[in-house]
Amino acid sequence: CSLPPVSGMCRAYFPRWYFNPATSLCEKFIYGGCGGNDNSFDRPEECYKRCKSVNLKSVISVTCCNFVTL
């Protein structure tokens, strides 16, 4: 949980989550499909369960507001 996110050498596009010890939050990054490290999770809930006890409200606040302006 203290390792930085690693996208890996491949070029796939898999949204993943890593624990950022500086912010104590699980943050989204893009995983390329190969390589990487153990600080990579399919869902933010898995990240928090493994790396820090936090309530669901914190998970929602991290994932709620990804808007694109056209």
N, C-alpha and C. Protein backbone atom coordinates (compact mmCIF):
# COMPACT_ATOMS: atom_id res chain seq x y z
N CYS A 1 0.81 -1.21 0.00
CA CYS A 1 0.00 0.00 0.00
C CYS A 1 0.85 1.27 0.00
N SER A 2 2.14 1.13 0.12
CA SER A 2 2.99 2.32 0.11
C SER A 2 3.69 2.51 -1.23
N LEU A 3 3.52 1.57 -2.15
CA LEU A 3 4.16 1.66 -3.46
C LEU A 3 3.42 2.64 -4.36
N PRO A 4 4.13 3.29 -5.28
CA PRO A 4 3.45 4.19 -6.23
C PRO A 4 2.68 3.38 -7.27
N PRO A 5 1.69 3.98 -7.94
CA PRO A 5 0.98 3.26 -8.99
C PRO A 5 1.91 3.01 -10.17
N VAL A 6 1.80 1.82 -10.76
CA VAL A 6 2.63 1.47 -11.92
C VAL A 6 1.70 1.04 -13.04
N SER A 7 1.71 1.78 -14.14
CA SER A 7 0.85 1.47 -15.28
C SER A 7 1.29 0.22 -16.01
N GLY A 8 2.55 -0.12 -15.96
CA GLY A 8 3.08 -1.29 -16.65
C GLY A 8 3.48 -0.96 -18.08
N MET A 9 4.08 -1.94 -18.76
CA MET A 9 4.62 -1.72 -20.09
C MET A 9 3.60 -1.95 -21.20
N CYS A 10 2.53 -2.66 -20.93
CA CYS A 10 1.53 -2.94 -21.97
C CYS A 10 0.63 -1.73 -22.18
N ARG A 11 -0.16 -1.76 -23.25
CA ARG A 11 -0.94 -0.58 -23.63
C ARG A 11 -2.45 -0.76 -23.51
N ALA A 12 -2.88 -1.70 -22.70
CA ALA A 12 -4.32 -1.84 -22.47
C ALA A 12 -4.80 -0.66 -21.62
N TYR A 13 -6.11 -0.59 -21.38
CA TYR A 13 -6.69 0.53 -20.63
C TYR A 13 -7.62 -0.04 -19.57
N PHE A 14 -7.06 -0.35 -18.41
CA PHE A 14 -7.84 -0.89 -17.30
C PHE A 14 -7.85 0.12 -16.16
N PRO A 15 -9.01 0.67 -15.82
CA PRO A 15 -9.08 1.54 -14.63
C PRO A 15 -8.78 0.70 -13.39
N ARG A 16 -7.87 1.15 -12.57
CA ARG A 16 -7.51 0.47 -11.32
C ARG A 16 -7.41 1.52 -10.22
N TRP A 17 -7.25 1.05 -9.00
CA TRP A 17 -7.16 1.92 -7.82
C TRP A 17 -5.89 1.59 -7.05
N TYR A 18 -5.24 2.61 -6.50
CA TYR A 18 -4.08 2.42 -5.64
C TYR A 18 -4.24 3.28 -4.40
N PHE A 19 -3.60 2.85 -3.31
CA PHE A 19 -3.64 3.63 -2.08
C PHE A 19 -2.52 4.65 -2.10
N ASN A 20 -2.88 5.92 -1.92
CA ASN A 20 -1.91 7.01 -1.87
C ASN A 20 -1.66 7.35 -0.40
N PRO A 21 -0.51 6.97 0.14
CA PRO A 21 -0.26 7.23 1.56
C PRO A 21 -0.16 8.72 1.91
N ALA A 22 0.13 9.56 0.94
CA ALA A 22 0.22 11.00 1.20
C ALA A 22 -1.15 11.61 1.48
N THR A 23 -2.20 11.06 0.84
CA THR A 23 -3.55 11.59 1.02
C THR A 23 -4.43 10.66 1.85
N SER A 24 -3.95 9.44 2.11
CA SER A 24 -4.73 8.40 2.80
C SER A 24 -6.01 8.06 2.03
N LEU A 25 -5.95 8.18 0.70
CA LEU A 25 -7.09 7.87 -0.15
C LEU A 25 -6.71 6.84 -1.19
N CYS A 26 -7.69 6.09 -1.66
CA CYS A 26 -7.51 5.22 -2.81
C CYS A 26 -7.86 6.04 -4.05
N GLU A 27 -6.92 6.12 -4.97
CA GLU A 27 -7.07 6.98 -6.14
C GLU A 27 -7.01 6.15 -7.42
N LYS A 28 -7.68 6.64 -8.44
CA LYS A 28 -7.78 5.93 -9.71
C LYS A 28 -6.53 6.15 -10.56
N PHE A 29 -6.13 5.11 -11.28
CA PHE A 29 -5.08 5.23 -12.29
C PHE A 29 -5.37 4.22 -13.39
N ILE A 30 -4.66 4.32 -14.50
CA ILE A 30 -4.87 3.42 -15.62
C ILE A 30 -3.74 2.39 -15.66
N TYR A 31 -4.14 1.12 -15.65
CA TYR A 31 -3.20 0.00 -15.70
C TYR A 31 -3.15 -0.54 -17.13
N GLY A 32 -1.96 -0.78 -17.63
CA GLY A 32 -1.77 -1.24 -19.01
C GLY A 32 -1.98 -2.72 -19.23
N GLY A 33 -2.07 -3.52 -18.17
CA GLY A 33 -2.37 -4.94 -18.32
C GLY A 33 -1.23 -5.89 -18.00
N CYS A 34 0.00 -5.41 -17.84
CA CYS A 34 1.10 -6.30 -17.47
C CYS A 34 2.09 -5.53 -16.60
N GLY A 35 2.83 -6.27 -15.80
CA GLY A 35 3.75 -5.62 -14.86
C GLY A 35 2.96 -5.07 -13.68
N GLY A 36 3.42 -4.00 -13.12
CA GLY A 36 2.71 -3.39 -11.99
C GLY A 36 3.25 -3.89 -10.66
N ASN A 37 2.50 -3.62 -9.58
CA ASN A 37 2.90 -4.04 -8.24
C ASN A 37 1.65 -4.40 -7.43
N ASP A 38 1.83 -4.65 -6.15
CA ASP A 38 0.72 -5.09 -5.29
C ASP A 38 -0.20 -3.96 -4.85
N ASN A 39 0.13 -2.73 -5.16
CA ASN A 39 -0.74 -1.60 -4.80
C ASN A 39 -1.62 -1.26 -6.01
N SER A 40 -2.43 -2.23 -6.41
CA SER A 40 -3.30 -2.10 -7.57
C SER A 40 -4.54 -2.94 -7.33
N PHE A 41 -5.71 -2.31 -7.37
CA PHE A 41 -6.95 -2.98 -7.00
C PHE A 41 -8.03 -2.72 -8.05
N ASP A 42 -8.90 -3.70 -8.24
CA ASP A 42 -10.00 -3.58 -9.21
C ASP A 42 -11.05 -2.56 -8.79
N ARG A 43 -11.28 -2.46 -7.48
CA ARG A 43 -12.33 -1.56 -6.96
C ARG A 43 -11.79 -0.78 -5.77
N PRO A 44 -12.30 0.43 -5.57
CA PRO A 44 -11.81 1.22 -4.42
C PRO A 44 -12.10 0.53 -3.09
N GLU A 45 -13.19 -0.22 -3.01
CA GLU A 45 -13.51 -0.93 -1.76
C GLU A 45 -12.42 -1.92 -1.40
N GLU A 46 -11.88 -2.63 -2.40
CA GLU A 46 -10.80 -3.58 -2.15
C GLU A 46 -9.55 -2.85 -1.65
N CYS A 47 -9.27 -1.72 -2.26
CA CYS A 47 -8.12 -0.90 -1.87
C CYS A 47 -8.23 -0.48 -0.41
N TYR A 48 -9.37 0.07 -0.03
CA TYR A 48 -9.56 0.52 1.36
C TYR A 48 -9.53 -0.65 2.33
N LYS A 49 -10.12 -1.77 1.94
CA LYS A 49 -10.15 -2.92 2.83
C LYS A 49 -8.74 -3.40 3.14
N ARG A 50 -7.90 -3.39 2.14
CA ARG A 50 -6.53 -3.88 2.30
C ARG A 50 -5.62 -2.85 2.96
N CYS A 51 -5.82 -1.59 2.63
CA CYS A 51 -4.84 -0.57 3.03
C CYS A 51 -5.27 0.34 4.17
N LYS A 52 -6.55 0.52 4.36
CA LYS A 52 -6.98 1.43 5.42
C LYS A 52 -8.45 1.21 5.72
N SER A 53 -8.80 1.26 6.99
CA SER A 53 -10.20 1.20 7.37
C SER A 53 -10.81 2.57 7.15
N VAL A 54 -11.83 2.62 6.30
CA VAL A 54 -12.49 3.88 5.99
C VAL A 54 -13.94 3.57 5.66
N ASN A 55 -14.85 4.49 5.91
CA ASN A 55 -16.26 4.21 5.66
C ASN A 55 -16.62 4.43 4.19
N LEU A 56 -17.79 3.94 3.79
CA LEU A 56 -18.23 4.01 2.40
C LEU A 56 -18.37 5.45 1.93
N LYS A 57 -18.69 6.38 2.81
CA LYS A 57 -18.83 7.79 2.42
C LYS A 57 -17.54 8.31 1.79
N SER A 58 -16.38 7.91 2.31
CA SER A 58 -15.11 8.34 1.73
C SER A 58 -14.90 7.75 0.34
N VAL A 59 -15.32 6.51 0.14
CA VAL A 59 -15.21 5.87 -1.18
C VAL A 59 -16.08 6.62 -2.17
N ILE A 60 -17.29 6.96 -1.79
CA ILE A 60 -18.20 7.68 -2.68
C ILE A 60 -17.64 9.05 -3.03
N SER A 61 -17.08 9.75 -2.07
CA SER A 61 -16.56 11.09 -2.35
C SER A 61 -15.40 11.05 -3.33
N VAL A 62 -14.64 9.98 -3.36
CA VAL A 62 -13.52 9.86 -4.29
C VAL A 62 -14.02 9.55 -5.69
N THR A 63 -15.13 8.81 -5.82
CA THR A 63 -15.57 8.34 -7.13
C THR A 63 -16.73 9.12 -7.71
N CYS A 64 -17.28 10.08 -7.00
CA CYS A 64 -18.54 10.68 -7.43
C CYS A 64 -18.44 11.69 -8.55
N CYS A 65 -17.31 12.37 -8.69
CA CYS A 65 -17.37 13.61 -9.45
C CYS A 65 -16.41 13.68 -10.63
N ASN A 66 -16.42 12.69 -11.47
CA ASN A 66 -15.58 12.71 -12.67
C ASN A 66 -16.43 13.14 -13.85
N PHE A 67 -16.49 14.45 -14.11
CA PHE A 67 -17.31 14.98 -15.19
C PHE A 67 -16.44 15.45 -16.34
N VAL A 68 -16.98 15.37 -17.54
CA VAL A 68 -16.29 15.84 -18.73
C VAL A 68 -17.10 16.99 -19.31
N THR A 69 -16.46 18.11 -19.58
CA THR A 69 -17.13 19.25 -20.19
C THR A 69 -16.93 19.17 -21.70
N LEU A 70 -18.03 19.24 -22.44
CA LEU A 70 -17.96 19.20 -23.91
C LEU A 70 -18.12 20.57 -24.49
